[in-house]
Amino acid sequence: MLEHPTQLLTVAQVCSALQLSRGTVERLIRSGALPSVNVSTTNTRRAHRVRPADLAMFLMAHEETRHE
């Protein structure tokens, strides 16, 4: 077991950080553009969480393409 589990961000927290709608963030997750972890215990509902490092990489990648 992990001694210090990595903090995971909820979709709502990612929405707030990126100032995007829930639908947009969920679309980014479904498309694979924004990596996530499915923490759901059933197949009927997907509960995604995003690692802070993955969010940072997503932002860096999009910042680079914006300035090209």
PDB file of N, CA and C in Angstrom:
ATOM      1  N   MET A   1       0.836  -1.186   0.000  1.00  0.00           N
ATOM      2  CA  MET A   1       0.000   0.000   0.000  1.00  0.00           C
ATOM      3  C   MET A   1       0.879   1.247   0.000  1.00  0.00           C
ATOM      4  N   LEU A   2       0.421   2.279  -0.665  1.00  0.00           N
ATOM      5  CA  LEU A   2       1.182   3.530  -0.723  1.00  0.00           C
ATOM      6  C   LEU A   2       1.140   4.260   0.615  1.00  0.00           C
ATOM      7  N   GLU A   3       2.291   4.771   1.018  1.00  0.00           N
ATOM      8  CA  GLU A   3       2.328   5.548   2.255  1.00  0.00           C
ATOM      9  C   GLU A   3       1.722   6.929   2.052  1.00  0.00           C
ATOM     10  N   HIS A   4       2.005   7.547   0.904  1.00  0.00           N
ATOM     11  CA  HIS A   4       1.509   8.893   0.601  1.00  0.00           C
ATOM     12  C   HIS A   4       0.850   8.850  -0.778  1.00  0.00           C
ATOM     13  N   PRO A   5      -0.432   8.520  -0.830  1.00  0.00           N
ATOM     14  CA  PRO A   5      -1.077   8.435  -2.143  1.00  0.00           C
ATOM     15  C   PRO A   5      -1.057   9.786  -2.859  1.00  0.00           C
ATOM     16  N   THR A   6      -0.937   9.709  -4.158  1.00  0.00           N
ATOM     17  CA  THR A   6      -0.928  10.908  -4.979  1.00  0.00           C
ATOM     18  C   THR A   6      -2.293  11.570  -4.936  1.00  0.00           C
ATOM     19  N   GLN A   7      -2.308  12.862  -4.806  1.00  0.00           N
ATOM     20  CA  GLN A   7      -3.568  13.592  -4.831  1.00  0.00           C
ATOM     21  C   GLN A   7      -4.143  13.521  -6.244  1.00  0.00           C
ATOM     22  N   LEU A   8      -5.406  13.211  -6.345  1.00  0.00           N
ATOM     23  CA  LEU A   8      -6.082  13.191  -7.628  1.00  0.00           C
ATOM     24  C   LEU A   8      -7.113  14.299  -7.654  1.00  0.00           C
ATOM     25  N   LEU A   9      -7.255  14.946  -8.794  1.00  0.00           N
ATOM     26  CA  LEU A   9      -8.208  16.042  -8.956  1.00  0.00           C
ATOM     27  C   LEU A   9      -9.522  15.516  -9.515  1.00  0.00           C
ATOM     28  N   THR A  10     -10.625  16.028  -9.005  1.00  0.00           N
ATOM     29  CA  THR A  10     -11.929  15.670  -9.548  1.00  0.00           C
ATOM     30  C   THR A  10     -12.135  16.417 -10.856  1.00  0.00           C
ATOM     31  N   VAL A  11     -13.133  15.982 -11.619  1.00  0.00           N
ATOM     32  CA  VAL A  11     -13.466  16.676 -12.863  1.00  0.00           C
ATOM     33  C   VAL A  11     -13.859  18.121 -12.540  1.00  0.00           C
ATOM     34  N   ALA A  12     -14.585  18.318 -11.468  1.00  0.00           N
ATOM     35  CA  ALA A  12     -14.989  19.679 -11.078  1.00  0.00           C
ATOM     36  C   ALA A  12     -13.775  20.557 -10.786  1.00  0.00           C
ATOM     37  N   GLN A  13     -12.760  20.010 -10.133  1.00  0.00           N
ATOM     38  CA  GLN A  13     -11.548  20.778  -9.842  1.00  0.00           C
ATOM     39  C   GLN A  13     -10.799  21.125 -11.123  1.00  0.00           C
ATOM     40  N   VAL A  14     -10.765  20.177 -12.062  1.00  0.00           N
ATOM     41  CA  VAL A  14     -10.115  20.442 -13.348  1.00  0.00           C
ATOM     42  C   VAL A  14     -10.883  21.523 -14.104  1.00  0.00           C
ATOM     43  N   CYS A  15     -12.218  21.448 -14.072  1.00  0.00           N
ATOM     44  CA  CYS A  15     -13.052  22.471 -14.714  1.00  0.00           C
ATOM     45  C   CYS A  15     -12.724  23.851 -14.164  1.00  0.00           C
ATOM     46  N   SER A  16     -12.620  23.928 -12.866  1.00  0.00           N
ATOM     47  CA  SER A  16     -12.322  25.196 -12.212  1.00  0.00           C
ATOM     48  C   SER A  16     -10.928  25.700 -12.589  1.00  0.00           C
ATOM     49  N   ALA A  17      -9.954  24.804 -12.585  1.00  0.00           N
ATOM     50  CA  ALA A  17      -8.579  25.194 -12.902  1.00  0.00           C
ATOM     51  C   ALA A  17      -8.439  25.671 -14.340  1.00  0.00           C
ATOM     52  N   LEU A  18      -9.153  25.022 -15.254  1.00  0.00           N
ATOM     53  CA  LEU A  18      -9.045  25.368 -16.676  1.00  0.00           C
ATOM     54  C   LEU A  18     -10.096  26.367 -17.132  1.00  0.00           C
ATOM     55  N   GLN A  19     -11.055  26.640 -16.266  1.00  0.00           N
ATOM     56  CA  GLN A  19     -12.187  27.517 -16.591  1.00  0.00           C
ATOM     57  C   GLN A  19     -12.911  27.003 -17.834  1.00  0.00           C
ATOM     58  N   LEU A  20     -13.201  25.696 -17.812  1.00  0.00           N
ATOM     59  CA  LEU A  20     -13.922  25.037 -18.893  1.00  0.00           C
ATOM     60  C   LEU A  20     -15.162  24.366 -18.321  1.00  0.00           C
ATOM     61  N   SER A  21     -16.107  24.077 -19.179  1.00  0.00           N
ATOM     62  CA  SER A  21     -17.315  23.390 -18.739  1.00  0.00           C
ATOM     63  C   SER A  21     -17.023  21.924 -18.455  1.00  0.00           C
ATOM     64  N   ARG A  22     -17.907  21.305 -17.688  1.00  0.00           N
ATOM     65  CA  ARG A  22     -17.772  19.886 -17.370  1.00  0.00           C
ATOM     66  C   ARG A  22     -17.787  19.047 -18.657  1.00  0.00           C
ATOM     67  N   GLY A  23     -18.668  19.399 -19.586  1.00  0.00           N
ATOM     68  CA  GLY A  23     -18.758  18.662 -20.840  1.00  0.00           C
ATOM     69  C   GLY A  23     -17.462  18.701 -21.619  1.00  0.00           C
ATOM     70  N   THR A  24     -16.808  19.845 -21.652  1.00  0.00           N
ATOM     71  CA  THR A  24     -15.545  19.983 -22.371  1.00  0.00           C
ATOM     72  C   THR A  24     -14.457  19.134 -21.721  1.00  0.00           C
ATOM     73  N   VAL A  25     -14.374  19.179 -20.405  1.00  0.00           N
ATOM     74  CA  VAL A  25     -13.354  18.388 -19.701  1.00  0.00           C
ATOM     75  C   VAL A  25     -13.632  16.900 -19.891  1.00  0.00           C
ATOM     76  N   GLU A  26     -14.886  16.489 -19.811  1.00  0.00           N
ATOM     77  CA  GLU A  26     -15.220  15.078 -20.021  1.00  0.00           C
ATOM     78  C   GLU A  26     -14.886  14.638 -21.448  1.00  0.00           C
ATOM     79  N   ARG A  27     -15.078  15.522 -22.408  1.00  0.00           N
ATOM     80  CA  ARG A  27     -14.721  15.224 -23.806  1.00  0.00           C
ATOM     81  C   ARG A  27     -13.207  15.051 -23.949  1.00  0.00           C
ATOM     82  N   LEU A  28     -12.446  15.915 -23.294  1.00  0.00           N
ATOM     83  CA  LEU A  28     -10.986  15.802 -23.330  1.00  0.00           C
ATOM     84  C   LEU A  28     -10.534  14.474 -22.719  1.00  0.00           C
ATOM     85  N   ILE A  29     -11.194  14.056 -21.650  1.00  0.00           N
ATOM     86  CA  ILE A  29     -10.858  12.785 -21.003  1.00  0.00           C
ATOM     87  C   ILE A  29     -11.225  11.617 -21.916  1.00  0.00           C
ATOM     88  N   ARG A  30     -12.438  11.639 -22.473  1.00  0.00           N
ATOM     89  CA  ARG A  30     -12.881  10.542 -23.347  1.00  0.00           C
ATOM     90  C   ARG A  30     -11.992  10.393 -24.575  1.00  0.00           C
ATOM     91  N   SER A  31     -11.535  11.517 -25.109  1.00  0.00           N
ATOM     92  CA  SER A  31     -10.704  11.469 -26.315  1.00  0.00           C
ATOM     93  C   SER A  31      -9.269  11.040 -26.015  1.00  0.00           C
ATOM     94  N   GLY A  32      -8.896  11.078 -24.742  1.00  0.00           N
ATOM     95  CA  GLY A  32      -7.532  10.726 -24.373  1.00  0.00           C
ATOM     96  C   GLY A  32      -6.583  11.910 -24.358  1.00  0.00           C
ATOM     97  N   ALA A  33      -7.084  13.083 -24.711  1.00  0.00           N
ATOM     98  CA  ALA A  33      -6.232  14.279 -24.716  1.00  0.00           C
ATOM     99  C   ALA A  33      -5.792  14.658 -23.302  1.00  0.00           C
ATOM    100  N   LEU A  34      -6.653  14.374 -22.333  1.00  0.00           N
ATOM    101  CA  LEU A  34      -6.340  14.628 -20.926  1.00  0.00           C
ATOM    102  C   LEU A  34      -6.377  13.283 -20.203  1.00  0.00           C
ATOM    103  N   PRO A  35      -5.208  12.748 -19.838  1.00  0.00           N
ATOM    104  CA  PRO A  35      -5.173  11.444 -19.166  1.00  0.00           C
ATOM    105  C   PRO A  35      -5.922  11.489 -17.836  1.00  0.00           C
ATOM    106  N   SER A  36      -6.572  10.372 -17.517  1.00  0.00           N
ATOM    107  CA  SER A  36      -7.302  10.293 -16.257  1.00  0.00           C
ATOM    108  C   SER A  36      -7.253   8.879 -15.720  1.00  0.00           C
ATOM    109  N   VAL A  37      -7.698   8.757 -14.475  1.00  0.00           N
ATOM    110  CA  VAL A  37      -7.796   7.480 -13.793  1.00  0.00           C
ATOM    111  C   VAL A  37      -9.274   7.233 -13.534  1.00  0.00           C
ATOM    112  N   ASN A  38      -9.765   6.056 -13.910  1.00  0.00           N
ATOM    113  CA  ASN A  38     -11.149   5.704 -13.633  1.00  0.00           C
ATOM    114  C   ASN A  38     -11.196   5.064 -12.249  1.00  0.00           C
ATOM    115  N   VAL A  39     -11.819   5.721 -11.285  1.00  0.00           N
ATOM    116  CA  VAL A  39     -11.870   5.213  -9.916  1.00  0.00           C
ATOM    117  C   VAL A  39     -13.221   4.581  -9.589  1.00  0.00           C
ATOM    118  N   SER A  40     -14.046   4.409 -10.589  1.00  0.00           N
ATOM    119  CA  SER A  40     -15.360   3.804 -10.384  1.00  0.00           C
ATOM    120  C   SER A  40     -15.217   2.320 -10.066  1.00  0.00           C
ATOM    121  N   THR A  41     -16.133   1.833  -9.257  1.00  0.00           N
ATOM    122  CA  THR A  41     -16.130   0.410  -8.918  1.00  0.00           C
ATOM    123  C   THR A  41     -17.095  -0.379  -9.792  1.00  0.00           C
ATOM    124  N   THR A  42     -17.853   0.321 -10.635  1.00  0.00           N
ATOM    125  CA  THR A  42     -18.801  -0.355 -11.530  1.00  0.00           C
ATOM    126  C   THR A  42     -18.554   0.105 -12.956  1.00  0.00           C
ATOM    127  N   ASN A  43     -19.080  -0.645 -13.903  1.00  0.00           N
ATOM    128  CA  ASN A  43     -18.951  -0.261 -15.308  1.00  0.00           C
ATOM    129  C   ASN A  43     -20.060   0.677 -15.752  1.00  0.00           C
ATOM    130  N   THR A  44     -21.065   0.877 -14.918  1.00  0.00           N
ATOM    131  CA  THR A  44     -22.202   1.702 -15.314  1.00  0.00           C
ATOM    132  C   THR A  44     -21.920   3.186 -15.162  1.00  0.00           C
ATOM    133  N   ARG A  45     -21.015   3.544 -14.287  1.00  0.00           N
ATOM    134  CA  ARG A  45     -20.703   4.957 -14.063  1.00  0.00           C
ATOM    135  C   ARG A  45     -19.193   5.110 -14.007  1.00  0.00           C
ATOM    136  N   ARG A  46     -18.706   6.075 -14.719  1.00  0.00           N
ATOM    137  CA  ARG A  46     -17.264   6.320 -14.701  1.00  0.00           C
ATOM    138  C   ARG A  46     -16.967   7.532 -13.833  1.00  0.00           C
ATOM    139  N   ALA A  47     -16.145   7.322 -12.854  1.00  0.00           N
ATOM    140  CA  ALA A  47     -15.718   8.403 -11.971  1.00  0.00           C
ATOM    141  C   ALA A  47     -14.242   8.643 -12.254  1.00  0.00           C
ATOM    142  N   HIS A  48     -13.959   9.688 -12.994  1.00  0.00           N
ATOM    143  CA  HIS A  48     -12.583   9.974 -13.405  1.00  0.00           C
ATOM    144  C   HIS A  48     -11.915  10.950 -12.451  1.00  0.00           C
ATOM    145  N   ARG A  49     -10.629  10.761 -12.291  1.00  0.00           N
ATOM    146  CA  ARG A  49      -9.785  11.685 -11.550  1.00  0.00           C
ATOM    147  C   ARG A  49      -8.558  11.957 -12.413  1.00  0.00           C
ATOM    148  N   VAL A  50      -7.975  13.127 -12.230  1.00  0.00           N
ATOM    149  CA  VAL A  50      -6.821  13.540 -13.034  1.00  0.00           C
ATOM    150  C   VAL A  50      -5.643  13.795 -12.094  1.00  0.00           C
ATOM    151  N   ARG A  51      -4.507  13.225 -12.456  1.00  0.00           N
ATOM    152  CA  ARG A  51      -3.288  13.475 -11.675  1.00  0.00           C
ATOM    153  C   ARG A  51      -2.829  14.909 -11.943  1.00  0.00           C
ATOM    154  N   PRO A  52      -2.405  15.625 -10.904  1.00  0.00           N
ATOM    155  CA  PRO A  52      -1.907  16.987 -11.117  1.00  0.00           C
ATOM    156  C   PRO A  52      -0.792  17.055 -12.159  1.00  0.00           C
ATOM    157  N   ALA A  53       0.083  16.053 -12.192  1.00  0.00           N
ATOM    158  CA  ALA A  53       1.180  16.041 -13.170  1.00  0.00           C
ATOM    159  C   ALA A  53       0.633  15.922 -14.596  1.00  0.00           C
ATOM    160  N   ASP A  54      -0.436  15.134 -14.780  1.00  0.00           N
ATOM    161  CA  ASP A  54      -1.040  15.002 -16.108  1.00  0.00           C
ATOM    162  C   ASP A  54      -1.693  16.310 -16.542  1.00  0.00           C
ATOM    163  N   LEU A  55      -2.314  17.006 -15.601  1.00  0.00           N
ATOM    164  CA  LEU A  55      -2.910  18.303 -15.918  1.00  0.00           C
ATOM    165  C   LEU A  55      -1.814  19.298 -16.309  1.00  0.00           C
ATOM    166  N   ALA A  56      -0.707  19.285 -15.590  1.00  0.00           N
ATOM    167  CA  ALA A  56       0.403  20.184 -15.906  1.00  0.00           C
ATOM    168  C   ALA A  56       0.968  19.889 -17.292  1.00  0.00           C
ATOM    169  N   MET A  57       1.129  18.605 -17.627  1.00  0.00           N
ATOM    170  CA  MET A  57       1.634  18.233 -18.950  1.00  0.00           C
ATOM    171  C   MET A  57       0.658  18.658 -20.050  1.00  0.00           C
ATOM    172  N   PHE A  58      -0.635  18.487 -19.800  1.00  0.00           N
ATOM    173  CA  PHE A  58      -1.663  18.910 -20.748  1.00  0.00           C
ATOM    174  C   PHE A  58      -1.548  20.417 -21.003  1.00  0.00           C
ATOM    175  N   LEU A  59      -1.410  21.177 -19.935  1.00  0.00           N
ATOM    176  CA  LEU A  59      -1.303  22.635 -20.071  1.00  0.00           C
ATOM    177  C   LEU A  59      -0.035  23.035 -20.809  1.00  0.00           C
ATOM    178  N   MET A  60       1.072  22.383 -20.504  1.00  0.00           N
ATOM    179  CA  MET A  60       2.332  22.703 -21.185  1.00  0.00           C
ATOM    180  C   MET A  60       2.234  22.384 -22.673  1.00  0.00           C
ATOM    181  N   ALA A  61       1.648  21.268 -23.004  1.00  0.00           N
ATOM    182  CA  ALA A  61       1.511  20.879 -24.414  1.00  0.00           C
ATOM    183  C   ALA A  61       0.648  21.874 -25.168  1.00  0.00           C
ATOM    184  N   HIS A  62      -0.407  22.343 -24.536  1.00  0.00           N
ATOM    185  CA  HIS A  62      -1.298  23.286 -25.211  1.00  0.00           C
ATOM    186  C   HIS A  62      -0.744  24.696 -25.223  1.00  0.00           C
ATOM    187  N   GLU A  63       0.078  25.012 -24.263  1.00  0.00           N
ATOM    188  CA  GLU A  63       0.743  26.323 -24.263  1.00  0.00           C
ATOM    189  C   GLU A  63       1.754  26.381 -25.402  1.00  0.00           C
ATOM    190  N   GLU A  64       2.486  25.285 -25.636  1.00  0.00           N
ATOM    191  CA  GLU A  64       3.484  25.240 -26.705  1.00  0.00           C
ATOM    192  C   GLU A  64       2.823  25.367 -28.073  1.00  0.00           C
ATOM    193  N   THR A  65       1.706  24.681 -28.300  1.00  0.00           N
ATOM    194  CA  THR A  65       1.045  24.731 -29.596  1.00  0.00           C
ATOM    195  C   THR A  65       0.394  26.091 -29.824  1.00  0.00           C
ATOM    196  N   ARG A  66       0.036  26.760 -28.753  1.00  0.00           N
ATOM    197  CA  ARG A  66      -0.587  28.066 -28.865  1.00  0.00           C
ATOM    198  C   ARG A  66       0.395  29.124 -29.364  1.00  0.00           C
ATOM    199  N   HIS A  67       1.677  28.953 -29.013  1.00  0.00           N
ATOM    200  CA  HIS A  67       2.690  29.956 -29.364  1.00  0.00           C
ATOM    201  C   HIS A  67       3.420  29.631 -30.650  1.00  0.00           C
ATOM    202  N   GLU A  68       3.092  28.532 -31.292  1.00  0.00           N
ATOM    203  CA  GLU A  68       3.778  28.176 -32.551  1.00  0.00           C
ATOM    204  C   GLU A  68       3.140  28.841 -33.725  1.00  0.00           C
TER     205      GLU A  68
END
